Amino acid sequence: MEKLYRAYLLKEQLREVFATGGQDGVLLLDAWLRWAARSRLTPFTELARKIRAYFRSDIINSLTHRLSNGLIEATNTKIRLPTRIAFGFKSVDALIALTKLHLGGYSIDLPGRT
């Protein structure tokens, strides 16, 4: 089997782990880790080793409880825009008010701006 094709299959199988989730996802993860470790593809063998050493329990929690930090990361990204706009404000309260307006879905046209 060609290396590129094996890498593609490994990538797709890892996507399937997260798409399946639950206890079946945990079983798929363990099978994927075994397959990646013996794949003879250095990036995948290193990834499998790191997942086993540091992240397996976190991934299992994510699979079984369907929790992620995606919502928090999205909110942090939305907060970065008003923070850039508010550069130079003298008050933290003004930044907080601008952020609340932005996250609340309001769009206020400021005088002199288009």
N, C-alpha and C. Protein backbone atom coordinates (compact mmCIF):
# COMPACT_ATOMS: atom_id res chain seq x y z
N MET A 1 0.85 -1.17 0.00
CA MET A 1 0.00 0.00 0.00
C MET A 1 0.90 1.24 0.00
N GLU A 2 0.62 2.16 -0.83
CA GLU A 2 1.40 3.38 -0.94
C GLU A 2 1.30 4.23 0.33
N LYS A 3 2.38 4.92 0.68
CA LYS A 3 2.42 5.71 1.91
C LYS A 3 1.35 6.79 1.96
N LEU A 4 1.18 7.48 0.85
CA LEU A 4 0.18 8.55 0.81
C LEU A 4 -1.22 8.01 1.04
N TYR A 5 -1.51 6.86 0.46
CA TYR A 5 -2.83 6.24 0.63
C TYR A 5 -3.03 5.80 2.08
N ARG A 6 -1.98 5.22 2.68
CA ARG A 6 -2.08 4.82 4.09
C ARG A 6 -2.30 6.04 4.99
N ALA A 7 -1.60 7.13 4.69
CA ALA A 7 -1.77 8.36 5.47
C ALA A 7 -3.20 8.88 5.34
N TYR A 8 -3.73 8.82 4.13
CA TYR A 8 -5.11 9.26 3.91
C TYR A 8 -6.09 8.40 4.71
N LEU A 9 -5.90 7.09 4.68
CA LEU A 9 -6.79 6.20 5.42
C LEU A 9 -6.69 6.44 6.93
N LEU A 10 -5.49 6.66 7.42
CA LEU A 10 -5.32 6.95 8.84
C LEU A 10 -6.03 8.26 9.22
N LYS A 11 -5.90 9.26 8.38
CA LYS A 11 -6.56 10.54 8.64
C LYS A 11 -8.08 10.38 8.67
N GLU A 12 -8.59 9.66 7.69
CA GLU A 12 -10.05 9.47 7.63
C GLU A 12 -10.56 8.63 8.80
N GLN A 13 -9.79 7.64 9.21
CA GLN A 13 -10.21 6.81 10.34
C GLN A 13 -10.22 7.63 11.63
N LEU A 14 -9.26 8.54 11.78
CA LEU A 14 -9.25 9.40 12.97
C LEU A 14 -10.46 10.33 12.96
N ARG A 15 -10.84 10.83 11.80
CA ARG A 15 -12.07 11.64 11.71
C ARG A 15 -13.28 10.82 12.13
N GLU A 16 -13.29 9.56 11.75
CA GLU A 16 -14.41 8.68 12.09
C GLU A 16 -14.51 8.46 13.60
N VAL A 17 -13.38 8.45 14.28
CA VAL A 17 -13.38 8.32 15.74
C VAL A 17 -14.23 9.41 16.36
N PHE A 18 -14.00 10.66 15.93
CA PHE A 18 -14.72 11.78 16.52
C PHE A 18 -16.15 11.88 16.00
N ALA A 19 -16.39 11.43 14.79
CA ALA A 19 -17.76 11.45 14.25
C ALA A 19 -18.62 10.42 14.96
N THR A 20 -18.04 9.29 15.33
CA THR A 20 -18.80 8.22 15.99
C THR A 20 -19.06 8.57 17.45
N GLY A 21 -18.02 8.93 18.19
CA GLY A 21 -18.17 9.29 19.59
C GLY A 21 -18.61 8.14 20.46
N GLY A 22 -18.86 8.42 21.71
CA GLY A 22 -19.33 7.42 22.66
C GLY A 22 -18.35 6.28 22.86
N GLN A 23 -18.87 5.19 23.36
CA GLN A 23 -18.02 4.02 23.63
C GLN A 23 -17.48 3.42 22.34
N ASP A 24 -18.26 3.46 21.27
CA ASP A 24 -17.76 2.97 19.98
C ASP A 24 -16.59 3.83 19.51
N GLY A 25 -16.65 5.11 19.77
CA GLY A 25 -15.55 6.00 19.41
C GLY A 25 -14.28 5.67 20.19
N VAL A 26 -14.44 5.27 21.45
CA VAL A 26 -13.28 4.89 22.27
C VAL A 26 -12.64 3.64 21.68
N LEU A 27 -13.47 2.68 21.29
CA LEU A 27 -12.93 1.46 20.67
C LEU A 27 -12.22 1.78 19.36
N LEU A 28 -12.82 2.67 18.57
CA LEU A 28 -12.17 3.08 17.32
C LEU A 28 -10.86 3.80 17.59
N LEU A 29 -10.83 4.62 18.64
CA LEU A 29 -9.60 5.33 18.98
C LEU A 29 -8.49 4.35 19.32
N ASP A 30 -8.81 3.36 20.14
CA ASP A 30 -7.79 2.37 20.50
C ASP A 30 -7.30 1.59 19.28
N ALA A 31 -8.22 1.25 18.40
CA ALA A 31 -7.82 0.56 17.17
C ALA A 31 -6.96 1.47 16.30
N TRP A 32 -7.33 2.76 16.23
CA TRP A 32 -6.55 3.70 15.43
C TRP A 32 -5.15 3.87 16.00
N LEU A 33 -5.03 3.94 17.33
CA LEU A 33 -3.72 4.08 17.95
C LEU A 33 -2.82 2.90 17.64
N ARG A 34 -3.38 1.68 17.67
CA ARG A 34 -2.59 0.50 17.31
C ARG A 34 -2.16 0.55 15.85
N TRP A 35 -3.09 0.93 14.96
CA TRP A 35 -2.79 0.99 13.54
C TRP A 35 -1.74 2.07 13.25
N ALA A 36 -1.89 3.24 13.85
CA ALA A 36 -0.94 4.33 13.62
C ALA A 36 0.45 3.97 14.12
N ALA A 37 0.51 3.27 15.27
CA ALA A 37 1.81 2.92 15.85
C ALA A 37 2.59 1.96 14.95
N ARG A 38 1.90 1.12 14.23
CA ARG A 38 2.60 0.16 13.36
C ARG A 38 2.57 0.55 11.88
N SER A 39 2.15 1.78 11.59
CA SER A 39 1.99 2.21 10.20
C SER A 39 3.31 2.47 9.48
N ARG A 40 4.40 2.65 10.22
CA ARG A 40 5.71 2.99 9.66
C ARG A 40 5.70 4.35 8.98
N LEU A 41 4.75 5.19 9.35
CA LEU A 41 4.71 6.58 8.90
C LEU A 41 5.06 7.43 10.11
N THR A 42 6.22 8.03 10.10
CA THR A 42 6.76 8.72 11.27
C THR A 42 5.80 9.73 11.90
N PRO A 43 5.15 10.59 11.13
CA PRO A 43 4.23 11.54 11.78
C PRO A 43 3.10 10.85 12.54
N PHE A 44 2.59 9.76 12.00
CA PHE A 44 1.48 9.06 12.66
C PHE A 44 1.97 8.25 13.85
N THR A 45 3.14 7.65 13.76
CA THR A 45 3.65 6.91 14.92
C THR A 45 3.94 7.86 16.07
N GLU A 46 4.48 9.05 15.76
CA GLU A 46 4.72 10.03 16.82
C GLU A 46 3.41 10.55 17.41
N LEU A 47 2.44 10.79 16.56
CA LEU A 47 1.13 11.25 17.05
C LEU A 47 0.49 10.21 17.96
N ALA A 48 0.54 8.95 17.56
CA ALA A 48 -0.03 7.88 18.38
C ALA A 48 0.67 7.80 19.73
N ARG A 49 1.99 7.94 19.72
CA ARG A 49 2.75 7.89 20.96
C ARG A 49 2.36 9.05 21.88
N LYS A 50 2.24 10.25 21.31
CA LYS A 50 1.87 11.43 22.11
C LYS A 50 0.45 11.34 22.64
N ILE A 51 -0.46 10.84 21.82
CA ILE A 51 -1.84 10.68 22.28
C ILE A 51 -1.90 9.72 23.44
N ARG A 52 -1.20 8.58 23.32
CA ARG A 52 -1.20 7.61 24.41
C ARG A 52 -0.60 8.22 25.68
N ALA A 53 0.48 8.96 25.53
CA ALA A 53 1.20 9.48 26.70
C ALA A 53 0.47 10.63 27.38
N TYR A 54 -0.15 11.52 26.59
CA TYR A 54 -0.64 12.76 27.18
C TYR A 54 -2.13 13.02 27.04
N PHE A 55 -2.76 12.55 25.97
CA PHE A 55 -4.10 13.03 25.64
C PHE A 55 -5.20 11.99 25.61
N ARG A 56 -4.87 10.73 25.74
CA ARG A 56 -5.89 9.68 25.56
C ARG A 56 -7.07 9.88 26.52
N SER A 57 -6.81 10.13 27.78
CA SER A 57 -7.92 10.27 28.74
C SER A 57 -8.77 11.50 28.41
N ASP A 58 -8.14 12.59 27.96
CA ASP A 58 -8.91 13.78 27.59
C ASP A 58 -9.78 13.51 26.37
N ILE A 59 -9.24 12.80 25.40
CA ILE A 59 -10.01 12.47 24.19
C ILE A 59 -11.17 11.55 24.55
N ILE A 60 -10.93 10.59 25.42
CA ILE A 60 -12.01 9.69 25.84
C ILE A 60 -13.11 10.47 26.55
N ASN A 61 -12.74 11.42 27.40
CA ASN A 61 -13.76 12.25 28.05
C ASN A 61 -14.56 13.04 27.03
N SER A 62 -13.88 13.55 26.04
CA SER A 62 -14.56 14.31 24.98
C SER A 62 -15.51 13.41 24.19
N LEU A 63 -15.08 12.18 23.91
CA LEU A 63 -15.92 11.26 23.15
C LEU A 63 -17.14 10.81 23.94
N THR A 64 -16.95 10.52 25.22
CA THR A 64 -18.07 9.97 26.00
C THR A 64 -19.05 11.04 26.46
N HIS A 65 -18.55 12.25 26.74
CA HIS A 65 -19.43 13.30 27.26
C HIS A 65 -19.82 14.34 26.22
N ARG A 66 -19.25 14.25 25.04
CA ARG A 66 -19.55 15.18 23.93
C ARG A 66 -19.34 16.64 24.35
N LEU A 67 -18.26 16.89 25.08
CA LEU A 67 -17.93 18.24 25.50
C LEU A 67 -16.67 18.70 24.77
N SER A 68 -16.64 19.99 24.46
CA SER A 68 -15.43 20.57 23.86
C SER A 68 -15.35 22.03 24.28
N ASN A 69 -14.24 22.64 23.97
CA ASN A 69 -14.08 24.06 24.30
C ASN A 69 -14.37 24.93 23.08
N GLY A 70 -15.03 24.40 22.09
CA GLY A 70 -15.32 25.12 20.86
C GLY A 70 -16.11 26.40 21.08
N LEU A 71 -17.11 26.37 21.94
CA LEU A 71 -17.93 27.56 22.21
C LEU A 71 -17.10 28.66 22.86
N ILE A 72 -16.25 28.28 23.80
CA ILE A 72 -15.40 29.27 24.46
C ILE A 72 -14.42 29.88 23.47
N GLU A 73 -13.82 29.04 22.61
CA GLU A 73 -12.87 29.56 21.62
C GLU A 73 -13.57 30.50 20.64
N ALA A 74 -14.79 30.17 20.24
CA ALA A 74 -15.54 31.05 19.33
C ALA A 74 -15.83 32.39 20.00
N THR A 75 -16.20 32.36 21.27
CA THR A 75 -16.48 33.60 22.00
C THR A 75 -15.21 34.44 22.14
N ASN A 76 -14.08 33.79 22.42
CA ASN A 76 -12.81 34.53 22.52
C ASN A 76 -12.47 35.19 21.20
N THR A 77 -12.72 34.52 20.10
CA THR A 77 -12.45 35.10 18.79
C THR A 77 -13.35 36.31 18.54
N LYS A 78 -14.61 36.21 18.94
CA LYS A 78 -15.53 37.33 18.77
C LYS A 78 -15.14 38.53 19.65
N ILE A 79 -14.52 38.26 20.79
CA ILE A 79 -14.11 39.35 21.68
C ILE A 79 -12.87 40.06 21.15
N ARG A 80 -12.06 39.38 20.38
CA ARG A 80 -10.83 40.00 19.86
C ARG A 80 -11.12 41.20 18.94
N LEU A 81 -12.20 41.14 18.16
CA LEU A 81 -12.52 42.24 17.24
C LEU A 81 -12.82 43.53 18.00
N PRO A 82 -13.75 43.52 18.96
CA PRO A 82 -13.98 44.78 19.69
C PRO A 82 -12.74 45.25 20.45
N THR A 83 -11.90 44.33 20.87
CA THR A 83 -10.68 44.72 21.57
C THR A 83 -9.76 45.50 20.63
N ARG A 84 -9.67 45.07 19.38
CA ARG A 84 -8.86 45.81 18.40
C ARG A 84 -9.50 47.16 18.09
N ILE A 85 -10.82 47.17 17.96
CA ILE A 85 -11.52 48.42 17.67
C ILE A 85 -11.34 49.40 18.82
N ALA A 86 -11.35 48.89 20.05
CA ALA A 86 -11.30 49.74 21.24
C ALA A 86 -9.88 50.16 21.61
N PHE A 87 -8.91 49.87 20.76
CA PHE A 87 -7.54 50.26 21.07
C PHE A 87 -7.47 51.77 21.29
N GLY A 88 -6.94 52.17 22.41
CA GLY A 88 -6.85 53.59 22.73
C GLY A 88 -7.93 54.06 23.69
N PHE A 89 -8.94 53.21 23.97
CA PHE A 89 -9.94 53.62 24.96
C PHE A 89 -9.25 53.79 26.31
N LYS A 90 -9.69 54.76 27.07
CA LYS A 90 -9.09 55.03 28.37
C LYS A 90 -9.72 54.22 29.49
N SER A 91 -10.85 53.59 29.20
CA SER A 91 -11.60 52.91 30.25
C SER A 91 -11.89 51.46 29.86
N VAL A 92 -11.71 50.58 30.82
CA VAL A 92 -12.07 49.18 30.60
C VAL A 92 -13.57 49.03 30.45
N ASP A 93 -14.33 49.90 31.14
CA ASP A 93 -15.80 49.86 31.05
C ASP A 93 -16.27 50.10 29.62
N ALA A 94 -15.58 50.98 28.89
CA ALA A 94 -15.95 51.23 27.49
C ALA A 94 -15.71 49.98 26.65
N LEU A 95 -14.60 49.28 26.90
CA LEU A 95 -14.33 48.04 26.17
C LEU A 95 -15.38 46.98 26.49
N ILE A 96 -15.75 46.86 27.74
CA ILE A 96 -16.77 45.88 28.14
C ILE A 96 -18.11 46.21 27.49
N ALA A 97 -18.48 47.49 27.47
CA ALA A 97 -19.74 47.90 26.84
C ALA A 97 -19.73 47.60 25.35
N LEU A 98 -18.61 47.91 24.68
CA LEU A 98 -18.50 47.63 23.25
C LEU A 98 -18.58 46.14 22.98
N THR A 99 -17.95 45.33 23.82
CA THR A 99 -17.99 43.87 23.66
C THR A 99 -19.41 43.35 23.85
N LYS A 100 -20.12 43.86 24.85
CA LYS A 100 -21.51 43.43 25.06
C LYS A 100 -22.39 43.80 23.88
N LEU A 101 -22.19 44.98 23.32
CA LEU A 101 -22.95 45.37 22.13
C LEU A 101 -22.64 44.44 20.96
N HIS A 102 -21.35 44.16 20.78
CA HIS A 102 -20.93 43.31 19.66
C HIS A 102 -21.47 41.89 19.80
N LEU A 103 -21.34 41.31 20.99
CA LEU A 103 -21.81 39.93 21.20
C LEU A 103 -23.32 39.84 21.28
N GLY A 104 -23.98 40.96 21.57
CA GLY A 104 -25.43 40.97 21.65
C GLY A 104 -26.10 41.03 20.28
N GLY A 105 -25.31 41.24 19.24
CA GLY A 105 -25.88 41.26 17.89
C GLY A 105 -26.29 42.64 17.42
N TYR A 106 -25.97 43.68 18.20
CA TYR A 106 -26.33 45.03 17.80
C TYR A 106 -25.26 45.61 16.89
N SER A 107 -25.68 46.40 15.94
CA SER A 107 -24.75 47.08 15.05
C SER A 107 -25.11 48.56 15.05
N ILE A 108 -24.27 49.33 15.70
CA ILE A 108 -24.54 50.76 15.82
C ILE A 108 -23.60 51.50 14.89
N ASP A 109 -24.19 52.35 14.02
CA ASP A 109 -23.37 53.17 13.13
C ASP A 109 -22.89 54.38 13.91
N LEU A 110 -21.59 54.50 14.00
CA LEU A 110 -21.02 55.63 14.72
C LEU A 110 -20.94 56.83 13.80
N PRO A 111 -21.09 58.03 14.34
CA PRO A 111 -21.02 59.24 13.50
C PRO A 111 -19.65 59.36 12.84
N GLY A 112 -19.65 59.72 11.58
CA GLY A 112 -18.40 59.93 10.86
C GLY A 112 -17.75 58.67 10.35
N ARG A 113 -18.38 57.50 10.56
CA ARG A 113 -17.82 56.23 10.08
C ARG A 113 -18.81 55.55 9.14
N THR A 114 -18.27 54.88 8.17
CA THR A 114 -19.16 54.15 7.25
C THR A 114 -18.93 52.68 7.33
